[in-house]
PDB file of N, CA and C in Angstrom:
ATOM      1  N   MET A   1      41.132 197.062  19.228  1.00  0.00           N
ATOM      2  CA  MET A   1      39.715 196.691  19.899  1.00  0.00           C
ATOM      3  C   MET A   1      38.653 197.500  18.656  1.00  0.00           C
ATOM      4  N   ALA A   2      37.659 196.944  18.313  1.00  0.00           N
ATOM      5  CA  ALA A   2      36.544 197.555  17.660  1.00  0.00           C
ATOM      6  C   ALA A   2      35.891 199.027  18.453  1.00  0.00           C
ATOM      7  N   ALA A   3      35.716 200.036  17.804  1.00  0.00           N
ATOM      8  CA  ALA A   3      35.028 201.115  18.312  1.00  0.00           C
ATOM      9  C   ALA A   3      33.749 200.422  18.638  1.00  0.00           C
ATOM     10  N   ALA A   4      33.076 201.398  19.902  1.00  0.00           N
ATOM     11  CA  ALA A   4      31.650 200.755  20.266  1.00  0.00           C
ATOM     12  C   ALA A   4      30.580 200.840  19.039  1.00  0.00           C
ATOM     13  N   THR A   5      30.941 201.867  17.997  1.00  0.00           N
ATOM     14  CA  THR A   5      30.025 201.926  17.150  1.00  0.00           C
ATOM     15  C   THR A   5      29.995 201.004  15.968  1.00  0.00           C
ATOM     16  N   ASP A   6      30.837 200.190  15.909  1.00  0.00           N
ATOM     17  CA  ASP A   6      31.337 199.292  14.953  1.00  0.00           C
ATOM     18  C   ASP A   6      30.013 198.532  15.089  1.00  0.00           C
ATOM     19  N   PRO A   7      29.208 198.326  13.627  1.00  0.00           N
ATOM     20  CA  PRO A   7      27.935 197.425  14.177  1.00  0.00           C
ATOM     21  C   PRO A   7      28.108 195.933  14.247  1.00  0.00           C
ATOM     22  N   LEU A   8      29.543 195.531  13.536  1.00  0.00           N
ATOM     23  CA  LEU A   8      29.875 194.128  13.674  1.00  0.00           C
ATOM     24  C   LEU A   8      30.141 193.763  15.106  1.00  0.00           C
ATOM     25  N   ALA A   9      31.018 194.596  15.886  1.00  0.00           N
ATOM     26  CA  ALA A   9      31.102 194.646  17.577  1.00  0.00           C
ATOM     27  C   ALA A   9      30.184 194.557  18.075  1.00  0.00           C
ATOM     28  N   LEU A  10      29.325 195.301  17.823  1.00  0.00           N
ATOM     29  CA  LEU A  10      27.947 195.272  18.594  1.00  0.00           C
ATOM     30  C   LEU A  10      27.124 194.171  18.331  1.00  0.00           C
ATOM     31  N   ALA A  11      26.892 193.666  17.296  1.00  0.00           N
ATOM     32  CA  ALA A  11      25.983 192.573  16.980  1.00  0.00           C
ATOM     33  C   ALA A  11      26.661 191.247  17.533  1.00  0.00           C
ATOM     34  N   ASP A  12      28.141 191.206  17.823  1.00  0.00           N
ATOM     35  CA  ASP A  12      28.427 189.715  18.121  1.00  0.00           C
ATOM     36  C   ASP A  12      28.520 190.017  19.508  1.00  0.00           C
ATOM     37  N   PHE A  13      28.520 191.262  20.166  1.00  0.00           N
ATOM     38  CA  PHE A  13      28.340 191.345  21.727  1.00  0.00           C
ATOM     39  C   PHE A  13      27.040 191.026  22.151  1.00  0.00           C
ATOM     40  N   GLU A  14      25.831 191.879  21.421  1.00  0.00           N
ATOM     41  CA  GLU A  14      24.312 191.745  21.660  1.00  0.00           C
ATOM     42  C   GLU A  14      24.161 190.227  21.436  1.00  0.00           C
ATOM     43  N   ALA A  15      25.118 189.390  20.544  1.00  0.00           N
ATOM     44  CA  ALA A  15      24.601 187.975  19.948  1.00  0.00           C
ATOM     45  C   ALA A  15      25.182 186.969  21.712  1.00  0.00           C
ATOM     46  N   GLY A  16      26.139 187.455  22.116  1.00  0.00           N
ATOM     47  CA  GLY A  16      26.869 186.863  23.457  1.00  0.00           C
ATOM     48  C   GLY A  16      27.578 185.640  23.020  1.00  0.00           C
ATOM     49  N   LEU A  17      27.894 185.350  21.448  1.00  0.00           N
ATOM     50  CA  LEU A  17      28.317 184.153  20.902  1.00  0.00           C
ATOM     51  C   LEU A  17      30.110 184.458  20.803  1.00  0.00           C
ATOM     52  N   ASP A  18      30.547 185.480  20.885  1.00  0.00           N
ATOM     53  CA  ASP A  18      31.802 185.880  20.653  1.00  0.00           C
ATOM     54  C   ASP A  18      32.365 185.685  19.357  1.00  0.00           C
ATOM     55  N   GLY A  19      31.408 185.840  18.292  1.00  0.00           N
ATOM     56  CA  GLY A  19      31.636 185.774  16.836  1.00  0.00           C
ATOM     57  C   GLY A  19      31.357 184.530  16.693  1.00  0.00           C
ATOM     58  N   LEU A  20      30.409 183.269  17.140  1.00  0.00           N
ATOM     59  CA  LEU A  20      30.342 182.587  16.495  1.00  0.00           C
ATOM     60  C   LEU A  20      28.882 182.226  16.223  1.00  0.00           C
ATOM     61  N   ALA A  21      28.618 181.596  14.899  1.00  0.00           N
ATOM     62  CA  ALA A  21      27.109 181.596  14.567  1.00  0.00           C
ATOM     63  C   ALA A  21      26.503 180.708  15.357  1.00  0.00           C
ATOM     64  N   GLU A  22      25.122 180.461  15.548  1.00  0.00           N
ATOM     65  CA  GLU A  22      24.621 179.775  16.483  1.00  0.00           C
ATOM     66  C   GLU A  22      24.612 178.307  15.962  1.00  0.00           C
ATOM     67  N   ASN A  23      24.821 178.002  14.773  1.00  0.00           N
ATOM     68  CA  ASN A  23      25.000 176.616  14.244  1.00  0.00           C
ATOM     69  C   ASN A  23      26.458 176.392  14.449  1.00  0.00           C
ATOM     70  N   ASP A  24      27.159 177.186  14.687  1.00  0.00           N
ATOM     71  CA  ASP A  24      28.674 176.563  15.005  1.00  0.00           C
ATOM     72  C   ASP A  24      28.921 176.136  16.423  1.00  0.00           C
ATOM     73  N   LEU A  25      27.862 176.831  17.503  1.00  0.00           N
ATOM     74  CA  LEU A  25      28.068 176.075  19.031  1.00  0.00           C
ATOM     75  C   LEU A  25      27.929 174.636  19.134  1.00  0.00           C
ATOM     76  N   ILE A  26      28.306 174.213  20.083  1.00  0.00           N
ATOM     77  CA  ILE A  26      28.191 172.313  20.513  1.00  0.00           C
ATOM     78  C   ILE A  26      26.973 172.102  20.911  1.00  0.00           C
ATOM     79  N   ASP A  27      26.417 171.179  20.403  1.00  0.00           N
ATOM     80  CA  ASP A  27      25.142 170.534  21.038  1.00  0.00           C
ATOM     81  C   ASP A  27      25.539 169.440  21.874  1.00  0.00           C
ATOM     82  N   GLU A  28      25.057 170.069  23.339  1.00  0.00           N
ATOM     83  CA  GLU A  28      25.868 168.588  24.248  1.00  0.00           C
ATOM     84  C   GLU A  28      24.831 167.333  23.898  1.00  0.00           C
ATOM     85  N   ALA A  29      23.741 167.367  23.937  1.00  0.00           N
ATOM     86  CA  ALA A  29      23.103 166.161  23.333  1.00  0.00           C
ATOM     87  C   ALA A  29      23.586 165.338  22.399  1.00  0.00           C
ATOM     88  N   GLU A  30      24.414 165.930  21.164  1.00  0.00           N
ATOM     89  CA  GLU A  30      24.982 165.073  20.243  1.00  0.00           C
ATOM     90  C   GLU A  30      26.503 164.695  20.610  1.00  0.00           C
ATOM     91  N   VAL A  31      27.031 165.320  21.721  1.00  0.00           N
ATOM     92  CA  VAL A  31      28.166 165.186  22.204  1.00  0.00           C
ATOM     93  C   VAL A  31      27.978 164.047  23.157  1.00  0.00           C
ATOM     94  N   ASP A  32      26.864 164.171  23.808  1.00  0.00           N
ATOM     95  CA  ASP A  32      26.622 162.621  24.784  1.00  0.00           C
ATOM     96  C   ASP A  32      26.403 161.763  23.886  1.00  0.00           C
ATOM     97  N   SER A  33      25.707 161.586  23.032  1.00  0.00           N
ATOM     98  CA  SER A  33      25.596 160.396  21.985  1.00  0.00           C
ATOM     99  C   SER A  33      26.926 159.839  21.573  1.00  0.00           C
ATOM    100  N   ILE A  34      27.688 160.604  21.041  1.00  0.00           N
ATOM    101  CA  ILE A  34      29.014 160.595  20.472  1.00  0.00           C
ATOM    102  C   ILE A  34      29.889 159.513  21.425  1.00  0.00           C
ATOM    103  N   VAL A  35      29.725 160.174  22.752  1.00  0.00           N
ATOM    104  CA  VAL A  35      30.882 159.721  23.783  1.00  0.00           C
ATOM    105  C   VAL A  35      30.122 158.212  24.155  1.00  0.00           C
ATOM    106  N   ARG A  36      28.700 158.052  24.185  1.00  0.00           N
ATOM    107  CA  ARG A  36      27.936 156.884  24.671  1.00  0.00           C
ATOM    108  C   ARG A  36      28.153 155.997  23.648  1.00  0.00           C
ATOM    109  N   GLU A  37      28.066 156.254  22.610  1.00  0.00           N
ATOM    110  CA  GLU A  37      28.585 155.348  21.219  1.00  0.00           C
ATOM    111  C   GLU A  37      30.024 154.781  21.306  1.00  0.00           C
ATOM    112  N   ALA A  38      31.111 155.352  21.271  1.00  0.00           N
ATOM    113  CA  ALA A  38      32.066 155.402  21.154  1.00  0.00           C
ATOM    114  C   ALA A  38      32.547 154.267  22.454  1.00  0.00           C
ATOM    115  N   ILE A  39      32.153 154.568  23.698  1.00  0.00           N
ATOM    116  CA  ILE A  39      32.378 153.547  24.752  1.00  0.00           C
ATOM    117  C   ILE A  39      31.328 152.271  24.637  1.00  0.00           C
ATOM    118  N   LEU A  40      30.087 152.092  24.192  1.00  0.00           N
ATOM    119  CA  LEU A  40      29.550 151.105  23.962  1.00  0.00           C
ATOM    120  C   LEU A  40      30.390 149.912  22.772  1.00  0.00           C
ATOM    121  N   HIS A  41      30.761 151.315  21.760  1.00  0.00           N
ATOM    122  CA  HIS A  41      31.385 149.999  20.798  1.00  0.00           C
ATOM    123  C   HIS A  41      32.655 149.570  20.900  1.00  0.00           C
ATOM    124  N   ALA A  42      33.440 150.221  22.184  1.00  0.00           N
ATOM    125  CA  ALA A  42      34.569 149.480  22.258  1.00  0.00           C
ATOM    126  C   ALA A  42      34.766 148.673  23.558  1.00  0.00           C
ATOM    127  N   ILE A  43      33.383 149.301  24.368  1.00  0.00           N
ATOM    128  CA  ILE A  43      33.757 147.809  25.528  1.00  0.00           C
ATOM    129  C   ILE A  43      32.642 147.237  25.687  1.00  0.00           C
ATOM    130  N   GLY A  44      31.114 147.411  25.184  1.00  0.00           N
ATOM    131  CA  GLY A  44      30.217 146.728  24.780  1.00  0.00           C
ATOM    132  C   GLY A  44      30.024 145.886  26.294  1.00  0.00           C
ATOM    133  N   ASP A  45      29.507 144.689  26.104  1.00  0.00           N
ATOM    134  CA  ASP A  45      29.279 143.765  27.255  1.00  0.00           C
ATOM    135  C   ASP A  45      30.391 142.695  27.326  1.00  0.00           C
ATOM    136  N   THR A  46      31.563 143.345  27.314  1.00  0.00           N
ATOM    137  CA  THR A  46      33.041 142.627  27.283  1.00  0.00           C
ATOM    138  C   THR A  46      33.200 142.764  28.807  1.00  0.00           C
ATOM    139  N   PRO A  47      33.388 141.623  29.293  1.00  0.00           N
ATOM    140  CA  PRO A  47      33.808 141.749  30.857  1.00  0.00           C
ATOM    141  C   PRO A  47      35.456 142.354  31.186  1.00  0.00           C
ATOM    142  N   TRP A  48      35.669 143.049  32.176  1.00  0.00           N
ATOM    143  CA  TRP A  48      36.710 143.700  32.820  1.00  0.00           C
ATOM    144  C   TRP A  48      37.922 142.819  32.246  1.00  0.00           C
ATOM    145  N   ALA A  49      39.019 143.266  31.764  1.00  0.00           N
ATOM    146  CA  ALA A  49      40.352 142.620  31.427  1.00  0.00           C
ATOM    147  C   ALA A  49      41.447 143.473  31.636  1.00  0.00           C
ATOM    148  N   ASP A  50      42.337 143.732  32.687  1.00  0.00           N
ATOM    149  CA  ASP A  50      43.173 144.732  32.502  1.00  0.00           C
ATOM    150  C   ASP A  50      44.124 144.598  31.354  1.00  0.00           C
ATOM    151  N   ALA A  51      44.331 143.362  30.380  1.00  0.00           N
ATOM    152  CA  ALA A  51      45.091 143.495  29.444  1.00  0.00           C
ATOM    153  C   ALA A  51      44.427 144.370  27.975  1.00  0.00           C
ATOM    154  N   LYS A  52      43.161 144.810  28.704  1.00  0.00           N
ATOM    155  CA  LYS A  52      42.305 145.324  27.517  1.00  0.00           C
ATOM    156  C   LYS A  52      42.103 147.167  27.779  1.00  0.00           C
ATOM    157  N   VAL A  53      42.435 147.188  28.879  1.00  0.00           N
ATOM    158  CA  VAL A  53      42.169 148.453  29.187  1.00  0.00           C
ATOM    159  C   VAL A  53      42.964 149.690  28.543  1.00  0.00           C
ATOM    160  N   GLY A  54      44.266 149.661  27.909  1.00  0.00           N
ATOM    161  CA  GLY A  54      44.995 150.564  27.259  1.00  0.00           C
ATOM    162  C   GLY A  54      44.061 150.530  25.781  1.00  0.00           C
ATOM    163  N   ALA A  55      43.781 149.449  25.068  1.00  0.00           N
ATOM    164  CA  ALA A  55      43.205 149.538  23.914  1.00  0.00           C
ATOM    165  C   ALA A  55      41.857 150.183  23.844  1.00  0.00           C
ATOM    166  N   TRP A  56      41.059 149.845  25.195  1.00  0.00           N
ATOM    167  CA  TRP A  56      39.757 150.621  25.279  1.00  0.00           C
ATOM    168  C   TRP A  56      39.939 151.969  25.189  1.00  0.00           C
ATOM    169  N   SER A  57      40.796 152.436  26.239  1.00  0.00           N
ATOM    170  CA  SER A  57      41.096 153.998  26.234  1.00  0.00           C
ATOM    171  C   SER A  57      41.221 154.420  25.183  1.00  0.00           C
ATOM    172  N   SER A  58      42.244 153.723  24.347  1.00  0.00           N
ATOM    173  CA  SER A  58      42.548 154.540  23.153  1.00  0.00           C
ATOM    174  C   SER A  58      41.436 154.429  21.915  1.00  0.00           C
ATOM    175  N   HIS A  59      40.426 153.502  21.868  1.00  0.00           N
ATOM    176  CA  HIS A  59      39.454 153.347  20.899  1.00  0.00           C
ATOM    177  C   HIS A  59      38.501 154.258  21.253  1.00  0.00           C
ATOM    178  N   ILE A  60      38.374 154.602  22.325  1.00  0.00           N
ATOM    179  CA  ILE A  60      36.896 155.444  23.008  1.00  0.00           C
ATOM    180  C   ILE A  60      37.424 156.643  22.472  1.00  0.00           C
ATOM    181  N   ILE A  61      38.743 157.154  22.724  1.00  0.00           N
ATOM    182  CA  ILE A  61      39.191 158.829  22.602  1.00  0.00           C
ATOM    183  C   ILE A  61      39.465 158.866  21.446  1.00  0.00           C
ATOM    184  N   GLU A  62      39.966 158.099  20.290  1.00  0.00           N
ATOM    185  CA  GLU A  62      40.013 158.048  18.918  1.00  0.00           C
ATOM    186  C   GLU A  62      38.829 158.249  18.305  1.00  0.00           C
ATOM    187  N   ALA A  63      38.005 157.438  18.830  1.00  0.00           N
ATOM    188  CA  ALA A  63      36.390 157.415  18.166  1.00  0.00           C
ATOM    189  C   ALA A  63      35.677 158.764  18.221  1.00  0.00           C
ATOM    190  N   ILE A  64      35.909 159.153  19.673  1.00  0.00           N
ATOM    191  CA  ILE A  64      35.256 160.606  20.058  1.00  0.00           C
ATOM    192  C   ILE A  64      35.793 161.568  19.332  1.00  0.00           C
ATOM    193  N   LEU A  65      37.229 161.489  19.298  1.00  0.00           N
ATOM    194  CA  LEU A  65      37.867 162.925  18.601  1.00  0.00           C
ATOM    195  C   LEU A  65      37.751 162.755  17.274  1.00  0.00           C
ATOM    196  N   LYS A  66      37.578 161.680  16.758  1.00  0.00           N
ATOM    197  CA  LYS A  66      37.297 161.529  15.307  1.00  0.00           C
ATOM    198  C   LYS A  66      35.741 162.149  14.711  1.00  0.00           C
ATOM    199  N   ARG A  67      34.758 161.450  15.702  1.00  0.00           N
ATOM    200  CA  ARG A  67      33.442 162.143  15.445  1.00  0.00           C
ATOM    201  C   ARG A  67      33.068 163.686  15.758  1.00  0.00           C
ATOM    202  N   LEU A  68      34.046 163.952  16.769  1.00  0.00           N
ATOM    203  CA  LEU A  68      33.784 165.447  16.932  1.00  0.00           C
ATOM    204  C   LEU A  68      34.443 166.627  15.673  1.00  0.00           C
ATOM    205  N   ALA A  69      35.613 166.049  15.174  1.00  0.00           N
ATOM    206  CA  ALA A  69      36.171 166.729  14.298  1.00  0.00           C
ATOM    207  C   ALA A  69      35.523 166.597  12.880  1.00  0.00           C
ATOM    208  N   ASN A  70      34.707 165.515  12.780  1.00  0.00           N
ATOM    209  CA  ASN A  70      33.742 165.343  11.706  1.00  0.00           C
ATOM    210  C   ASN A  70      32.570 166.295  11.489  1.00  0.00           C
ATOM    211  N   LEU A  71      32.161 167.187  12.865  1.00  0.00           N
ATOM    212  CA  LEU A  71      31.363 168.046  13.079  1.00  0.00           C
ATOM    213  C   LEU A  71      31.527 169.093  12.346  1.00  0.00           C
ATOM    214  N   GLN A  72      32.825 169.290  11.980  1.00  0.00           N
ATOM    215  CA  GLN A  72      33.347 170.651  11.601  1.00  0.00           C
ATOM    216  C   GLN A  72      32.867 171.841  12.261  1.00  0.00           C
ATOM    217  N   LYS A  73      33.062 172.009  13.443  1.00  0.00           N
ATOM    218  CA  LYS A  73      32.901 172.844  14.146  1.00  0.00           C
ATOM    219  C   LYS A  73      34.109 173.705  14.476  1.00  0.00           C
ATOM    220  N   PRO A  74      34.055 174.973  14.697  1.00  0.00           N
ATOM    221  CA  PRO A  74      35.349 175.879  15.142  1.00  0.00           C
ATOM    222  C   PRO A  74      35.894 175.752  16.960  1.00  0.00           C
ATOM    223  N   PHE A  75      36.569 174.542  17.052  1.00  0.00           N
ATOM    224  CA  PHE A  75      36.581 174.217  18.250  1.00  0.00           C
ATOM    225  C   PHE A  75      37.639 173.433  18.211  1.00  0.00           C
ATOM    226  N   LYS A  76      38.860 173.487  19.378  1.00  0.00           N
ATOM    227  CA  LYS A  76      39.766 172.509  19.665  1.00  0.00           C
ATOM    228  C   LYS A  76      39.032 171.578  21.030  1.00  0.00           C
ATOM    229  N   TYR A  77      39.354 170.425  21.185  1.00  0.00           N
ATOM    230  CA  TYR A  77      38.990 169.347  21.990  1.00  0.00           C
ATOM    231  C   TYR A  77      39.744 168.562  22.613  1.00  0.00           C
ATOM    232  N   VAL A  78      39.853 168.272  23.642  1.00  0.00           N
ATOM    233  CA  VAL A  78      40.469 167.489  24.663  1.00  0.00           C
ATOM    234  C   VAL A  78      39.408 166.562  25.240  1.00  0.00           C
ATOM    235  N   CYS A  79      40.051 165.109  25.381  1.00  0.00           N
ATOM    236  CA  CYS A  79      39.113 164.196  26.006  1.00  0.00           C
ATOM    237  C   CYS A  79      40.239 163.593  26.890  1.00  0.00           C
ATOM    238  N   HIS A  80      39.037 162.896  27.965  1.00  0.00           N
ATOM    239  CA  HIS A  80      39.848 162.482  29.191  1.00  0.00           C
ATOM    240  C   HIS A  80      38.926 160.924  29.453  1.00  0.00           C
ATOM    241  N   VAL A  81      39.590 159.869  29.327  1.00  0.00           N
ATOM    242  CA  VAL A  81      38.822 158.755  29.756  1.00  0.00           C
ATOM    243  C   VAL A  81      39.547 158.104  30.995  1.00  0.00           C
ATOM    244  N   SER A  82      38.471 157.662  31.953  1.00  0.00           N
ATOM    245  CA  SER A  82      38.923 156.966  33.147  1.00  0.00           C
ATOM    246  C   SER A  82      38.422 155.508  33.181  1.00  0.00           C
ATOM    247  N   LEU A  83      38.922 154.378  32.963  1.00  0.00           N
ATOM    248  CA  LEU A  83      38.377 153.209  33.389  1.00  0.00           C
ATOM    249  C   LEU A  83      38.940 152.632  34.283  1.00  0.00           C
ATOM    250  N   THR A  84      37.756 151.881  35.324  1.00  0.00           N
ATOM    251  CA  THR A  84      38.276 151.008  36.500  1.00  0.00           C
ATOM    252  C   THR A  84      37.323 149.648  36.637  1.00  0.00           C
ATOM    253  N   GLN A  85      37.674 148.925  37.129  1.00  0.00           N
ATOM    254  CA  GLN A  85      36.978 147.758  37.305  1.00  0.00           C
ATOM    255  C   GLN A  85      35.782 147.897  38.452  1.00  0.00           C
ATOM    256  N   ARG A  86      34.488 147.598  38.175  1.00  0.00           N
ATOM    257  CA  ARG A  86      33.437 147.850  38.996  1.00  0.00           C
ATOM    258  C   ARG A  86      33.265 146.613  39.957  1.00  0.00           C
ATOM    259  N   CYS A  87      33.957 146.821  41.009  1.00  0.00           N
ATOM    260  CA  CYS A  87      33.941 145.814  42.105  1.00  0.00           C
ATOM    261  C   CYS A  87      33.466 146.335  43.581  1.00  0.00           C
ATOM    262  N   GLY A  88      32.360 147.500  43.355  1.00  0.00           N
ATOM    263  CA  GLY A  88      32.058 147.829  44.464  1.00  0.00           C
ATOM    264  C   GLY A  88      32.852 149.248  45.369  1.00  0.00           C
ATOM    265  N   ALA A  89      33.579 149.417  44.827  1.00  0.00           N
ATOM    266  CA  ALA A  89      34.478 150.656  45.546  1.00  0.00           C
ATOM    267  C   ALA A  89      34.154 151.825  44.860  1.00  0.00           C
ATOM    268  N   GLY A  90      33.871 151.950  43.554  1.00  0.00           N
ATOM    269  CA  GLY A  90      33.500 153.268  42.813  1.00  0.00           C
ATOM    270  C   GLY A  90      34.386 154.074  42.475  1.00  0.00           C
ATOM    271  N   MET A  91      34.223 155.305  41.822  1.00  0.00           N
ATOM    272  CA  MET A  91      35.248 156.144  41.181  1.00  0.00           C
ATOM    273  C   MET A  91      34.809 157.544  41.777  1.00  0.00           C
ATOM    274  N   HIS A  92      35.752 158.401  41.862  1.00  0.00           N
ATOM    275  CA  HIS A  92      35.673 159.732  42.270  1.00  0.00           C
ATOM    276  C   HIS A  92      36.534 160.530  41.255  1.00  0.00           C
ATOM    277  N   ALA A  93      35.992 161.522  40.523  1.00  0.00           N
ATOM    278  CA  ALA A  93      36.829 162.152  39.612  1.00  0.00           C
ATOM    279  C   ALA A  93      36.365 163.791  39.941  1.00  0.00           C
ATOM    280  N   ALA A  94      37.463 165.005  39.708  1.00  0.00           N
ATOM    281  CA  ALA A  94      36.912 165.981  39.609  1.00  0.00           C
ATOM    282  C   ALA A  94      37.983 166.794  38.483  1.00  0.00           C
ATOM    283  N   SER A  95      37.471 168.073  38.237  1.00  0.00           N
ATOM    284  CA  SER A  95      38.294 168.825  37.158  1.00  0.00           C
ATOM    285  C   SER A  95      37.950 170.116  37.587  1.00  0.00           C
ATOM    286  N   CYS A  96      38.574 171.083  37.047  1.00  0.00           N
ATOM    287  CA  CYS A  96      38.666 172.668  37.414  1.00  0.00           C
ATOM    288  C   CYS A  96      39.056 173.043  35.932  1.00  0.00           C
ATOM    289  N   GLN A  97      38.367 174.015  35.435  1.00  0.00           N
ATOM    290  CA  GLN A  97      38.554 174.725  34.056  1.00  0.00           C
ATOM    291  C   GLN A  97      38.079 176.313  34.201  1.00  0.00           C
ATOM    292  N   ARG A  98      38.970 177.015  33.427  1.00  0.00           N
ATOM    293  CA  ARG A  98      38.537 178.537  33.555  1.00  0.00           C
ATOM    294  C   ARG A  98      38.466 178.561  32.026  1.00  0.00           C
ATOM    295  N   TYR A  99      37.173 178.886  31.259  1.00  0.00           N
ATOM    296  CA  TYR A  99      37.061 179.218  30.061  1.00  0.00           C
ATOM    297  C   TYR A  99      35.818 180.430  29.728  1.00  0.00           C
ATOM    298  N   ASN A 100      35.477 180.473  28.652  1.00  0.00           N
ATOM    299  CA  ASN A 100      34.357 181.394  28.242  1.00  0.00           C
ATOM    300  C   ASN A 100      33.010 180.776  28.185  1.00  0.00           C
ATOM    301  N   PRO A 101      32.231 180.717  29.219  1.00  0.00           N
ATOM    302  CA  PRO A 101      31.227 180.070  29.092  1.00  0.00           C
ATOM    303  C   PRO A 101      29.969 180.130  28.002  1.00  0.00           C
ATOM    304  N   LYS A 102      30.173 181.307  27.412  1.00  0.00           N
ATOM    305  CA  LYS A 102      29.348 181.490  26.292  1.00  0.00           C
ATOM    306  C   LYS A 102      29.439 180.500  24.892  1.00  0.00           C
ATOM    307  N   THR A 103      30.593 180.165  24.855  1.00  0.00           N
ATOM    308  CA  THR A 103      31.342 179.410  23.790  1.00  0.00           C
ATOM    309  C   THR A 103      32.128 178.080  24.213  1.00  0.00           C
ATOM    310  N   ASP A 104      32.702 177.840  25.235  1.00  0.00           N
ATOM    311  CA  ASP A 104      33.156 176.696  25.517  1.00  0.00           C
ATOM    312  C   ASP A 104      32.752 175.989  26.595  1.00  0.00           C
ATOM    313  N   GLY A 105      32.852 174.632  26.860  1.00  0.00           N
ATOM    314  CA  GLY A 105      32.324 173.849  27.643  1.00  0.00           C
ATOM    315  C   GLY A 105      32.678 172.369  27.880  1.00  0.00           C
ATOM    316  N   LEU A 106      32.323 171.467  28.751  1.00  0.00           N
ATOM    317  CA  LEU A 106      32.478 170.303  28.890  1.00  0.00           C
ATOM    318  C   LEU A 106      31.421 169.849  29.084  1.00  0.00           C
ATOM    319  N   LEU A 107      31.633 168.323  28.571  1.00  0.00           N
ATOM    320  CA  LEU A 107      30.564 167.217  29.219  1.00  0.00           C
ATOM    321  C   LEU A 107      30.994 165.890  29.819  1.00  0.00           C
ATOM    322  N   SER A 108      30.873 165.333  31.041  1.00  0.00           N
ATOM    323  CA  SER A 108      30.981 164.217  31.198  1.00  0.00           C
ATOM    324  C   SER A 108      29.799 162.938  31.675  1.00  0.00           C
ATOM    325  N   VAL A 109      30.481 161.875  30.652  1.00  0.00           N
ATOM    326  CA  VAL A 109      29.548 160.992  30.737  1.00  0.00           C
ATOM    327  C   VAL A 109      30.013 159.553  31.790  1.00  0.00           C
ATOM    328  N   HIS A 110      28.985 159.248  32.432  1.00  0.00           N
ATOM    329  CA  HIS A 110      29.299 158.102  33.297  1.00  0.00           C
ATOM    330  C   HIS A 110      28.664 157.062  32.732  1.00  0.00           C
ATOM    331  N   TRP A 111      29.201 155.972  32.578  1.00  0.00           N
ATOM    332  CA  TRP A 111      28.771 154.584  31.571  1.00  0.00           C
ATOM    333  C   TRP A 111      29.560 153.365  32.793  1.00  0.00           C
ATOM    334  N   GLU A 112      28.517 152.563  32.767  1.00  0.00           N
ATOM    335  CA  GLU A 112      28.859 151.552  33.684  1.00  0.00           C
ATOM    336  C   GLU A 112      28.127 150.131  32.639  1.00  0.00           C
ATOM    337  N   SER A 113      29.195 148.999  32.865  1.00  0.00           N
ATOM    338  CA  SER A 113      28.517 147.444  32.697  1.00  0.00           C
ATOM    339  C   SER A 113      28.623 146.979  34.162  1.00  0.00           C
ATOM    340  N   ALA A 114      28.449 145.600  33.882  1.00  0.00           N
ATOM    341  CA  ALA A 114      28.341 144.620  34.876  1.00  0.00           C
ATOM    342  C   ALA A 114      30.006 144.781  35.565  1.00  0.00           C
ATOM    343  N   THR A 115      30.787 145.065  35.069  1.00  0.00           N
ATOM    344  CA  THR A 115      32.196 144.745  35.355  1.00  0.00           C
ATOM    345  C   THR A 115      32.905 145.931  35.209  1.00  0.00           C
ATOM    346  N   VAL A 116      32.336 146.842  34.328  1.00  0.00           N
ATOM    347  CA  VAL A 116      33.299 148.083  34.031  1.00  0.00           C
ATOM    348  C   VAL A 116      32.883 149.425  34.641  1.00  0.00           C
ATOM    349  N   LEU A 117      33.560 150.485  34.949  1.00  0.00           N
ATOM    350  CA  LEU A 117      33.046 151.928  35.288  1.00  0.00           C
ATOM    351  C   LEU A 117      33.852 152.372  34.479  1.00  0.00           C
ATOM    352  N   CYS A 118      33.094 153.543  33.619  1.00  0.00           N
ATOM    353  CA  CYS A 118      34.049 154.374  32.592  1.00  0.00           C
ATOM    354  C   CYS A 118      33.286 155.791  33.092  1.00  0.00           C
ATOM    355  N   LEU A 119      34.534 156.866  33.033  1.00  0.00           N
ATOM    356  CA  LEU A 119      33.932 158.265  33.102  1.00  0.00           C
ATOM    357  C   LEU A 119      34.920 158.748  31.997  1.00  0.00           C
ATOM    358  N   ALA A 120      33.778 159.492  31.011  1.00  0.00           N
ATOM    359  CA  ALA A 120      34.416 160.247  29.754  1.00  0.00           C
ATOM    360  C   ALA A 120      34.498 161.508  29.955  1.00  0.00           C
ATOM    361  N   THR A 121      35.058 162.546  29.825  1.00  0.00           N
ATOM    362  CA  THR A 121      34.996 163.983  29.929  1.00  0.00           C
ATOM    363  C   THR A 121      35.445 164.732  28.683  1.00  0.00           C
ATOM    364  N   VAL A 122      34.661 165.412  27.848  1.00  0.00           N
ATOM    365  CA  VAL A 122      35.069 166.053  26.629  1.00  0.00           C
ATOM    366  C   VAL A 122      35.014 167.448  26.887  1.00  0.00           C
ATOM    367  N   PHE A 123      36.179 168.273  26.587  1.00  0.00           N
ATOM    368  CA  PHE A 123      36.197 169.722  26.809  1.00  0.00           C
ATOM    369  C   PHE A 123      36.248 170.523  25.466  1.00  0.00           C
ATOM    370  N   TRP A 124      35.602 171.261  25.334  1.00  0.00           N
ATOM    371  CA  TRP A 124      35.566 172.436  23.651  1.00  0.00           C
ATOM    372  C   TRP A 124      35.762 173.828  24.154  1.00  0.00           C
ATOM    373  N   CYS A 125      36.857 174.291  23.181  1.00  0.00           N
ATOM    374  CA  CYS A 125      37.351 175.519  23.579  1.00  0.00           C
ATOM    375  C   CYS A 125      37.332 176.244  22.118  1.00  0.00           C
ATOM    376  N   ALA A 126      36.688 177.388  21.710  1.00  0.00           N
ATOM    377  CA  ALA A 126      36.712 177.954  20.656  1.00  0.00           C
ATOM    378  C   ALA A 126      37.735 178.209  20.146  1.00  0.00           C
ATOM    379  N   ALA A 127      38.117 177.756  18.829  1.00  0.00           N
ATOM    380  CA  ALA A 127      39.597 177.838  18.393  1.00  0.00           C
ATOM    381  C   ALA A 127      39.870 179.479  17.653  1.00  0.00           C
TER     382      ALA A 127
END
């Protein structure tokens, strides 16, 4: 551990970013846009079809992870997608995590069409 008089350690502590530059941090609005675009591109106005759920899930997750990797930020990502038919029953989801709130985070996006409910959650942790 660096001594308290180490100016680099003090600067990191004062910045509160645990060594990350401000431009390395995740912009939640950008992640939200990435997730919504991936869902819309995969599902769009297509009506619910049991046979398509696996492909939709894979396409959404792959598109999100590819776009996040292209941001070239120093993070590891986890993406989870839940899809269900919209039939009036609703959907409940919960998660619990323990991470560094200065650098790590999560974003959940709820999306729905006339026949599909989608909940996509992206987690990021500083690498």
